[in-house]
Amino acid sequence: MSYGANMTTDFEIVGTFKTAEGADGYKEVRVQQLLKPVRYVDAAINACTIATAIM
């Protein structure tokens, strides 16, 4: 389900970290990203309103 957010344009990667081996049942270590929203609040609210109205 999407609420109008685009991961490639609406967020900036501000950090990464590796999970511990075996975390959450995954055998391999995974790299996760910490994201910061960069879209203006009014634009985000408008996109969410439009996306949820279509559903």
N, C-alpha and C. Protein backbone atom coordinates (compact mmCIF):
# COMPACT_ATOMS: atom_id res chain seq x y z
N MET A 1 0.84 -1.17 0.00
CA MET A 1 0.00 0.00 0.00
C MET A 1 0.90 1.24 0.00
N SER A 2 0.55 2.22 -0.77
CA SER A 2 1.33 3.46 -0.85
C SER A 2 0.44 4.63 -0.49
N TYR A 3 1.01 5.56 0.21
CA TYR A 3 0.28 6.77 0.58
C TYR A 3 0.83 7.99 -0.15
N GLY A 4 1.35 7.76 -1.34
CA GLY A 4 1.82 8.86 -2.18
C GLY A 4 3.30 9.18 -2.03
N ALA A 5 4.01 8.44 -1.19
CA ALA A 5 5.44 8.70 -1.01
C ALA A 5 6.26 7.97 -2.06
N ASN A 6 7.31 8.62 -2.51
CA ASN A 6 8.24 8.02 -3.46
C ASN A 6 9.58 7.89 -2.75
N MET A 7 10.04 6.68 -2.55
CA MET A 7 11.26 6.44 -1.78
C MET A 7 12.49 7.08 -2.40
N THR A 8 12.51 7.22 -3.72
CA THR A 8 13.71 7.76 -4.38
C THR A 8 13.77 9.28 -4.41
N THR A 9 12.61 9.95 -4.33
CA THR A 9 12.61 11.41 -4.41
C THR A 9 12.17 12.10 -3.12
N ASP A 10 11.46 11.43 -2.26
CA ASP A 10 10.90 12.07 -1.07
C ASP A 10 11.73 11.83 0.19
N PHE A 11 12.78 11.02 0.08
CA PHE A 11 13.61 10.71 1.24
C PHE A 11 15.09 10.79 0.89
N GLU A 12 15.90 11.09 1.88
CA GLU A 12 17.36 11.14 1.73
C GLU A 12 17.95 10.13 2.70
N ILE A 13 18.93 9.36 2.25
CA ILE A 13 19.61 8.40 3.12
C ILE A 13 20.56 9.19 4.02
N VAL A 14 20.37 9.08 5.33
CA VAL A 14 21.22 9.81 6.26
C VAL A 14 22.10 8.87 7.09
N GLY A 15 21.93 7.57 6.90
CA GLY A 15 22.78 6.62 7.60
C GLY A 15 22.45 5.20 7.19
N THR A 16 23.35 4.30 7.47
CA THR A 16 23.13 2.87 7.23
C THR A 16 23.67 2.09 8.44
N PHE A 17 23.14 0.91 8.62
CA PHE A 17 23.65 0.04 9.66
C PHE A 17 23.44 -1.40 9.25
N LYS A 18 24.23 -2.29 9.80
CA LYS A 18 24.12 -3.71 9.50
C LYS A 18 23.40 -4.41 10.65
N THR A 19 22.51 -5.33 10.28
CA THR A 19 21.84 -6.11 11.30
C THR A 19 22.78 -7.20 11.80
N ALA A 20 22.51 -7.69 12.97
CA ALA A 20 23.29 -8.79 13.51
C ALA A 20 22.95 -10.07 12.76
N GLU A 21 23.93 -10.93 12.57
CA GLU A 21 23.68 -12.22 11.94
C GLU A 21 22.65 -12.97 12.76
N GLY A 22 21.62 -13.47 12.09
CA GLY A 22 20.55 -14.20 12.76
C GLY A 22 19.41 -13.33 13.25
N ALA A 23 19.51 -12.02 13.10
CA ALA A 23 18.45 -11.11 13.55
C ALA A 23 17.17 -11.37 12.78
N ASP A 24 16.09 -11.46 13.50
CA ASP A 24 14.75 -11.64 12.92
C ASP A 24 14.65 -12.89 12.06
N GLY A 25 15.49 -13.87 12.35
CA GLY A 25 15.44 -15.14 11.62
C GLY A 25 16.22 -15.18 10.32
N TYR A 26 16.84 -14.08 9.94
CA TYR A 26 17.64 -14.06 8.72
C TYR A 26 19.06 -14.51 9.05
N LYS A 27 19.56 -15.45 8.29
CA LYS A 27 20.91 -15.95 8.56
C LYS A 27 21.99 -14.96 8.15
N GLU A 28 21.75 -14.23 7.06
CA GLU A 28 22.77 -13.31 6.55
C GLU A 28 22.63 -11.93 7.20
N VAL A 29 23.74 -11.21 7.24
CA VAL A 29 23.75 -9.83 7.71
C VAL A 29 23.12 -8.97 6.62
N ARG A 30 22.23 -8.07 7.01
CA ARG A 30 21.58 -7.18 6.04
C ARG A 30 21.94 -5.74 6.36
N VAL A 31 22.02 -4.92 5.31
CA VAL A 31 22.27 -3.49 5.48
C VAL A 31 20.92 -2.78 5.43
N GLN A 32 20.64 -1.98 6.44
CA GLN A 32 19.40 -1.20 6.47
C GLN A 32 19.75 0.27 6.37
N GLN A 33 18.81 1.05 5.87
CA GLN A 33 19.05 2.48 5.67
C GLN A 33 18.16 3.29 6.60
N LEU A 34 18.70 4.38 7.10
CA LEU A 34 17.95 5.34 7.88
C LEU A 34 17.60 6.49 6.94
N LEU A 35 16.31 6.76 6.77
CA LEU A 35 15.85 7.74 5.80
C LEU A 35 15.27 8.97 6.49
N LYS A 36 15.48 10.12 5.87
CA LYS A 36 14.95 11.38 6.35
C LYS A 36 14.02 11.93 5.28
N PRO A 37 12.78 12.31 5.63
CA PRO A 37 11.89 12.89 4.63
C PRO A 37 12.41 14.26 4.19
N VAL A 38 12.35 14.52 2.89
CA VAL A 38 12.82 15.80 2.36
C VAL A 38 11.73 16.58 1.62
N ARG A 39 10.57 15.97 1.47
CA ARG A 39 9.46 16.65 0.79
C ARG A 39 8.77 17.61 1.78
N TYR A 40 8.30 18.74 1.27
CA TYR A 40 7.57 19.69 2.11
C TYR A 40 6.33 19.02 2.71
N VAL A 41 6.02 19.35 3.93
CA VAL A 41 4.90 18.73 4.65
C VAL A 41 3.60 18.88 3.88
N ASP A 42 3.31 20.07 3.35
CA ASP A 42 2.07 20.30 2.61
C ASP A 42 1.97 19.39 1.38
N ALA A 43 3.08 19.19 0.69
CA ALA A 43 3.08 18.32 -0.49
C ALA A 43 2.85 16.87 -0.07
N ALA A 44 3.43 16.46 1.05
CA ALA A 44 3.24 15.09 1.54
C ALA A 44 1.79 14.85 1.95
N ILE A 45 1.19 15.80 2.64
CA ILE A 45 -0.22 15.66 3.04
C ILE A 45 -1.11 15.59 1.82
N ASN A 46 -0.86 16.42 0.82
CA ASN A 46 -1.66 16.42 -0.41
C ASN A 46 -1.53 15.08 -1.14
N ALA A 47 -0.32 14.56 -1.27
CA ALA A 47 -0.11 13.27 -1.95
C ALA A 47 -0.81 12.15 -1.19
N CYS A 48 -0.77 12.17 0.12
CA CYS A 48 -1.43 11.15 0.93
C CYS A 48 -2.94 11.22 0.76
N THR A 49 -3.48 12.43 0.78
CA THR A 49 -4.92 12.62 0.61
C THR A 49 -5.39 12.09 -0.74
N ILE A 50 -4.64 12.40 -1.78
CA ILE A 50 -4.98 11.92 -3.13
C ILE A 50 -4.87 10.40 -3.21
N ALA A 51 -3.79 9.84 -2.69
CA ALA A 51 -3.58 8.39 -2.76
C ALA A 51 -4.64 7.62 -2.00
N THR A 52 -5.04 8.11 -0.83
CA THR A 52 -6.05 7.39 -0.05
C THR A 52 -7.45 7.58 -0.59
N ALA A 53 -7.70 8.65 -1.31
CA ALA A 53 -9.01 8.87 -1.93
C ALA A 53 -9.25 7.90 -3.08
N ILE A 54 -8.17 7.49 -3.74
CA ILE A 54 -8.26 6.58 -4.88
C ILE A 54 -8.56 5.17 -4.43
N MET A 55 -8.12 4.81 -3.22
CA MET A 55 -8.26 3.43 -2.72
C MET A 55 -9.70 3.08 -2.46
